[in-house]
């Protein structure tokens, strides 16, 4: 017959083993879900939280822009752009300049601007527009790398699709860093 003290220790050890196995399983799943973008042609990197993100434009020595698509272009499209700004430029002014270009999209409606913090700090500008008769939206992250450099992560897609992957767009922007 096993004493109650020994039985309690055995239960505790079994519970600890179960917790360890579950934690190991989730850690393996989390690591297998994404990838890290890094390329010798550019001086930035970011983590892709899901394997459904596929590169459609690779950066080169002449074009430092990279593009990714989530499943289909209408579900989510990412373009990374590097902007040179004046040393005393205010991020809100940089966003307003981009908004002026976006105003020419059919059905353009400016959304709210949000502060954003990840490895780089910045702002997010949200908007909606119409393309080919479909309601679309954009979520542009303006991340300040230094006094004269701002990286713009331009996410666009169908309104409902882009809203459903907001956690992915935030994750990519949070992990965006300059080498």
C-alpha atoms as a PDB file:
ATOM      1  CA  UNK A   1       0.000   0.000   0.000  1.00  0.00           C
ATOM      2  CA  UNK A   2       1.339   3.441  -0.996  1.00  0.00           C
ATOM      3  CA  UNK A   3       1.338   6.192   1.594  1.00  0.00           C
ATOM      4  CA  UNK A   4      -0.614   9.378   0.882  1.00  0.00           C
ATOM      5  CA  UNK A   5       2.601  11.402   0.858  1.00  0.00           C
ATOM      6  CA  UNK A   6       4.150   9.179  -1.843  1.00  0.00           C
ATOM      7  CA  UNK A   7       0.891   9.228  -3.835  1.00  0.00           C
ATOM      8  CA  UNK A   8       0.802  13.034  -3.687  1.00  0.00           C
ATOM      9  CA  UNK A   9       4.430  13.192  -4.940  1.00  0.00           C
ATOM     10  CA  UNK A  10       3.613  10.839  -7.804  1.00  0.00           C
ATOM     11  CA  UNK A  11       0.592  12.938  -8.811  1.00  0.00           C
ATOM     12  CA  UNK A  12       2.709  16.088  -8.725  1.00  0.00           C
ATOM     13  CA  UNK A  13       5.403  14.461 -10.885  1.00  0.00           C
ATOM     14  CA  UNK A  14       2.790  13.248 -13.395  1.00  0.00           C
ATOM     15  CA  UNK A  15       1.242  16.702 -13.533  1.00  0.00           C
ATOM     16  CA  UNK A  16       4.662  18.300 -14.089  1.00  0.00           C
ATOM     17  CA  UNK A  17       5.403  15.801 -16.886  1.00  0.00           C
ATOM     18  CA  UNK A  18       2.062  16.529 -18.564  1.00  0.00           C
ATOM     19  CA  UNK A  19       2.663  20.292 -18.379  1.00  0.00           C
ATOM     20  CA  UNK A  20       6.159  19.830 -19.839  1.00  0.00           C
ATOM     21  CA  UNK A  21       4.871  17.700 -22.739  1.00  0.00           C
ATOM     22  CA  UNK A  22       2.100  20.209 -23.539  1.00  0.00           C
ATOM     23  CA  UNK A  23       4.509  23.163 -23.376  1.00  0.00           C
ATOM     24  CA  UNK A  24       6.989  21.361 -25.648  1.00  0.00           C
ATOM     25  CA  UNK A  25       4.234  20.548 -28.152  1.00  0.00           C
ATOM     26  CA  UNK A  26       3.042  24.171 -28.290  1.00  0.00           C
ATOM     27  CA  UNK A  27       6.592  25.500 -28.576  1.00  0.00           C
ATOM     28  CA  UNK A  28       7.252  23.233 -31.545  1.00  0.00           C
ATOM     29  CA  UNK A  29       4.023  24.317 -33.209  1.00  0.00           C
ATOM     30  CA  UNK A  30       4.778  27.994 -32.647  1.00  0.00           C
ATOM     31  CA  UNK A  31       8.268  27.681 -34.120  1.00  0.00           C
ATOM     32  CA  UNK A  32       7.020  25.834 -37.192  1.00  0.00           C
ATOM     33  CA  UNK A  33       4.362  28.448 -38.009  1.00  0.00           C
ATOM     34  CA  UNK A  34       6.501  31.228 -39.422  1.00  0.00           C
ATOM     35  CA  UNK A  35       9.756  32.287 -40.951  1.00  0.00           C
ATOM     36  CA  UNK A  36      12.202  35.168 -40.718  1.00  0.00           C
ATOM     37  CA  UNK A  37      12.690  37.473 -43.691  1.00  0.00           C
ATOM     38  CA  UNK A  38      16.250  38.679 -44.087  1.00  0.00           C
ATOM     39  CA  UNK A  39      18.145  39.431 -47.277  1.00  0.00           C
ATOM     40  CA  UNK A  40      21.670  40.737 -47.967  1.00  0.00           C
ATOM     41  CA  UNK A  41      20.198  43.376 -50.343  1.00  0.00           C
ATOM     42  CA  UNK A  42      18.355  45.168 -47.528  1.00  0.00           C
ATOM     43  CA  UNK A  43      19.208  46.226 -44.005  1.00  0.00           C
ATOM     44  CA  UNK A  44      15.991  45.107 -42.317  1.00  0.00           C
ATOM     45  CA  UNK A  45      14.338  41.896 -41.190  1.00  0.00           C
ATOM     46  CA  UNK A  46      10.998  40.755 -39.804  1.00  0.00           C
ATOM     47  CA  UNK A  47       9.233  37.588 -38.711  1.00  0.00           C
ATOM     48  CA  UNK A  48       6.418  36.062 -40.723  1.00  0.00           C
ATOM     49  CA  UNK A  49       3.913  34.575 -38.249  1.00  0.00           C
ATOM     50  CA  UNK A  50       2.373  32.076 -40.674  1.00  0.00           C
ATOM     51  CA  UNK A  51       3.675  29.955 -43.542  1.00  0.00           C
ATOM     52  CA  UNK A  52       0.784  31.225 -45.711  1.00  0.00           C
ATOM     53  CA  UNK A  53       2.764  34.437 -46.346  1.00  0.00           C
ATOM     54  CA  UNK A  54       4.557  33.973 -49.702  1.00  0.00           C
ATOM     55  CA  UNK A  55       7.153  36.305 -51.227  1.00  0.00           C
ATOM     56  CA  UNK A  56       6.098  37.776 -54.581  1.00  0.00           C
ATOM     57  CA  UNK A  57       8.856  40.371 -55.083  1.00  0.00           C
ATOM     58  CA  UNK A  58      12.389  39.792 -53.857  1.00  0.00           C
ATOM     59  CA  UNK A  59      14.655  42.752 -53.076  1.00  0.00           C
ATOM     60  CA  UNK A  60      17.715  43.312 -55.247  1.00  0.00           C
ATOM     61  CA  UNK A  61      20.646  45.702 -55.500  1.00  0.00           C
ATOM     62  CA  UNK A  62      18.548  48.065 -57.657  1.00  0.00           C
ATOM     63  CA  UNK A  63      15.199  47.678 -55.862  1.00  0.00           C
ATOM     64  CA  UNK A  64      15.203  47.292 -52.079  1.00  0.00           C
ATOM     65  CA  UNK A  65      11.455  46.661 -51.857  1.00  0.00           C
ATOM     66  CA  UNK A  66      10.010  43.325 -50.849  1.00  0.00           C
ATOM     67  CA  UNK A  67       6.435  42.114 -51.293  1.00  0.00           C
ATOM     68  CA  UNK A  68       4.489  39.283 -49.679  1.00  0.00           C
ATOM     69  CA  UNK A  69       0.986  37.930 -50.210  1.00  0.00           C
ATOM     70  CA  UNK A  70      -1.164  36.168 -47.630  1.00  0.00           C
ATOM     71  CA  UNK A  71      -2.814  33.238 -49.485  1.00  0.00           C
ATOM     72  CA  UNK A  72      -4.128  35.510 -52.293  1.00  0.00           C
ATOM     73  CA  UNK A  73      -3.390  39.167 -53.046  1.00  0.00           C
ATOM     74  CA  UNK A  74      -6.963  40.149 -52.149  1.00  0.00           C
ATOM     75  CA  UNK A  75      -6.625  38.452 -48.736  1.00  0.00           C
ATOM     76  CA  UNK A  76      -3.531  40.409 -47.787  1.00  0.00           C
ATOM     77  CA  UNK A  77      -0.674  42.093 -49.581  1.00  0.00           C
ATOM     78  CA  UNK A  78       2.450  43.545 -47.941  1.00  0.00           C
ATOM     79  CA  UNK A  79       4.906  45.978 -49.498  1.00  0.00           C
ATOM     80  CA  UNK A  80       7.894  47.289 -47.554  1.00  0.00           C
ATOM     81  CA  UNK A  81       9.166  50.730 -48.581  1.00  0.00           C
ATOM     82  CA  UNK A  82      12.035  52.811 -47.234  1.00  0.00           C
ATOM     83  CA  UNK A  83      11.375  56.547 -47.085  1.00  0.00           C
ATOM     84  CA  UNK A  84      13.972  59.276 -46.718  1.00  0.00           C
ATOM     85  CA  UNK A  85      12.569  62.170 -44.709  1.00  0.00           C
ATOM     86  CA  UNK A  86      13.885  65.522 -43.543  1.00  0.00           C
ATOM     87  CA  UNK A  87      15.730  65.421 -40.233  1.00  0.00           C
ATOM     88  CA  UNK A  88      13.023  67.475 -38.511  1.00  0.00           C
ATOM     89  CA  UNK A  89      10.078  65.695 -40.205  1.00  0.00           C
ATOM     90  CA  UNK A  90       7.168  64.845 -37.935  1.00  0.00           C
ATOM     91  CA  UNK A  91       5.714  61.387 -38.530  1.00  0.00           C
ATOM     92  CA  UNK A  92       2.191  62.818 -38.782  1.00  0.00           C
ATOM     93  CA  UNK A  93       3.349  64.962 -41.731  1.00  0.00           C
ATOM     94  CA  UNK A  94       4.845  61.907 -43.454  1.00  0.00           C
ATOM     95  CA  UNK A  95       1.509  60.124 -43.031  1.00  0.00           C
ATOM     96  CA  UNK A  96      -0.409  63.146 -44.396  1.00  0.00           C
ATOM     97  CA  UNK A  97       1.824  63.147 -47.516  1.00  0.00           C
ATOM     98  CA  UNK A  98       0.960  59.490 -48.127  1.00  0.00           C
ATOM     99  CA  UNK A  99      -2.713  60.180 -47.449  1.00  0.00           C
ATOM    100  CA  UNK A 100      -2.672  62.871 -50.161  1.00  0.00           C
ATOM    101  CA  UNK A 101      -1.549  60.216 -52.691  1.00  0.00           C
ATOM    102  CA  UNK A 102      -4.190  57.749 -51.475  1.00  0.00           C
ATOM    103  CA  UNK A 103      -7.048  60.255 -51.863  1.00  0.00           C
ATOM    104  CA  UNK A 104      -7.136  59.457 -55.594  1.00  0.00           C
ATOM    105  CA  UNK A 105      -8.362  55.899 -54.912  1.00  0.00           C
ATOM    106  CA  UNK A 106     -12.086  55.460 -55.631  1.00  0.00           C
ATOM    107  CA  UNK A 107     -14.225  55.637 -52.521  1.00  0.00           C
ATOM    108  CA  UNK A 108     -11.266  56.639 -50.317  1.00  0.00           C
ATOM    109  CA  UNK A 109     -12.176  57.138 -46.660  1.00  0.00           C
ATOM    110  CA  UNK A 110      -9.416  57.998 -44.201  1.00  0.00           C
ATOM    111  CA  UNK A 111      -9.492  56.072 -40.953  1.00  0.00           C
ATOM    112  CA  UNK A 112      -7.842  56.703 -37.679  1.00  0.00           C
ATOM    113  CA  UNK A 113      -4.175  56.994 -36.934  1.00  0.00           C
ATOM    114  CA  UNK A 114      -2.764  54.953 -34.038  1.00  0.00           C
ATOM    115  CA  UNK A 115       0.528  54.998 -32.170  1.00  0.00           C
ATOM    116  CA  UNK A 116       2.463  51.775 -32.551  1.00  0.00           C
ATOM    117  CA  UNK A 117       5.352  50.220 -30.665  1.00  0.00           C
ATOM    118  CA  UNK A 118       7.418  47.194 -31.603  1.00  0.00           C
ATOM    119  CA  UNK A 119      11.154  46.905 -32.133  1.00  0.00           C
ATOM    120  CA  UNK A 120      10.685  50.279 -33.858  1.00  0.00           C
ATOM    121  CA  UNK A 121       8.198  52.961 -32.833  1.00  0.00           C
ATOM    122  CA  UNK A 122       5.808  54.690 -35.154  1.00  0.00           C
ATOM    123  CA  UNK A 123       2.214  55.078 -36.237  1.00  0.00           C
ATOM    124  CA  UNK A 124      -0.420  53.123 -38.126  1.00  0.00           C
ATOM    125  CA  UNK A 125      -2.729  54.729 -40.668  1.00  0.00           C
ATOM    126  CA  UNK A 126      -5.968  52.907 -41.585  1.00  0.00           C
ATOM    127  CA  UNK A 127      -8.169  53.649 -44.591  1.00  0.00           C
ATOM    128  CA  UNK A 128     -10.785  52.163 -46.907  1.00  0.00           C
ATOM    129  CA  UNK A 129     -11.326  52.385 -50.653  1.00  0.00           C
ATOM    130  CA  UNK A 130     -13.047  50.567 -53.526  1.00  0.00           C
ATOM    131  CA  UNK A 131     -11.269  48.500 -56.170  1.00  0.00           C
ATOM    132  CA  UNK A 132     -13.039  46.533 -58.917  1.00  0.00           C
ATOM    133  CA  UNK A 133     -16.321  47.010 -57.066  1.00  0.00           C
ATOM    134  CA  UNK A 134     -14.973  45.437 -53.854  1.00  0.00           C
ATOM    135  CA  UNK A 135     -14.562  47.099 -50.468  1.00  0.00           C
ATOM    136  CA  UNK A 136     -10.851  47.236 -49.718  1.00  0.00           C
ATOM    137  CA  UNK A 137      -8.830  48.523 -46.813  1.00  0.00           C
ATOM    138  CA  UNK A 138      -5.282  49.500 -46.073  1.00  0.00           C
ATOM    139  CA  UNK A 139      -3.256  49.437 -42.915  1.00  0.00           C
ATOM    140  CA  UNK A 140       0.050  51.296 -43.312  1.00  0.00           C
ATOM    141  CA  UNK A 141       2.697  51.160 -40.589  1.00  0.00           C
ATOM    142  CA  UNK A 142       5.159  54.060 -40.498  1.00  0.00           C
ATOM    143  CA  UNK A 143       8.152  52.946 -38.423  1.00  0.00           C
ATOM    144  CA  UNK A 144      10.940  55.405 -37.643  1.00  0.00           C
ATOM    145  CA  UNK A 145      14.382  53.820 -37.936  1.00  0.00           C
ATOM    146  CA  UNK A 146      16.419  57.002 -37.345  1.00  0.00           C
ATOM    147  CA  UNK A 147      16.218  60.786 -37.834  1.00  0.00           C
ATOM    148  CA  UNK A 148      16.014  60.550 -41.637  1.00  0.00           C
ATOM    149  CA  UNK A 149      14.601  57.070 -42.327  1.00  0.00           C
ATOM    150  CA  UNK A 150      11.049  55.794 -42.029  1.00  0.00           C
ATOM    151  CA  UNK A 151      10.008  52.323 -43.149  1.00  0.00           C
ATOM    152  CA  UNK A 152       6.479  51.987 -44.471  1.00  0.00           C
ATOM    153  CA  UNK A 153       4.834  48.552 -44.245  1.00  0.00           C
ATOM    154  CA  UNK A 154       1.862  48.788 -46.600  1.00  0.00           C
ATOM    155  CA  UNK A 155      -0.762  46.121 -45.975  1.00  0.00           C
ATOM    156  CA  UNK A 156      -3.816  46.059 -48.229  1.00  0.00           C
ATOM    157  CA  UNK A 157      -6.610  43.637 -49.042  1.00  0.00           C
ATOM    158  CA  UNK A 158     -10.325  43.102 -49.028  1.00  0.00           C
ATOM    159  CA  UNK A 159     -11.830  44.851 -46.028  1.00  0.00           C
ATOM    160  CA  UNK A 160     -12.988  41.752 -44.144  1.00  0.00           C
ATOM    161  CA  UNK A 161      -9.893  39.717 -45.028  1.00  0.00           C
ATOM    162  CA  UNK A 162      -7.456  42.382 -43.875  1.00  0.00           C
ATOM    163  CA  UNK A 163      -9.416  42.866 -40.661  1.00  0.00           C
ATOM    164  CA  UNK A 164      -9.228  39.112 -39.970  1.00  0.00           C
ATOM    165  CA  UNK A 165      -5.405  39.054 -40.293  1.00  0.00           C
ATOM    166  CA  UNK A 166      -4.777  42.225 -38.248  1.00  0.00           C
ATOM    167  CA  UNK A 167      -3.001  40.128 -35.615  1.00  0.00           C
ATOM    168  CA  UNK A 168      -0.554  39.022 -38.359  1.00  0.00           C
ATOM    169  CA  UNK A 169       0.041  42.547 -39.647  1.00  0.00           C
ATOM    170  CA  UNK A 170       0.680  43.767 -36.104  1.00  0.00           C
ATOM    171  CA  UNK A 171       3.037  40.840 -35.474  1.00  0.00           C
ATOM    172  CA  UNK A 172       5.070  41.522 -38.617  1.00  0.00           C
ATOM    173  CA  UNK A 173       5.327  45.222 -37.758  1.00  0.00           C
ATOM    174  CA  UNK A 174       6.287  44.458 -34.126  1.00  0.00           C
ATOM    175  CA  UNK A 175       9.179  42.258 -35.250  1.00  0.00           C
ATOM    176  CA  UNK A 176      10.413  44.621 -37.993  1.00  0.00           C
ATOM    177  CA  UNK A 177      13.957  45.683 -37.166  1.00  0.00           C
ATOM    178  CA  UNK A 178      16.903  47.367 -38.817  1.00  0.00           C
ATOM    179  CA  UNK A 179      20.179  45.445 -38.934  1.00  0.00           C
END
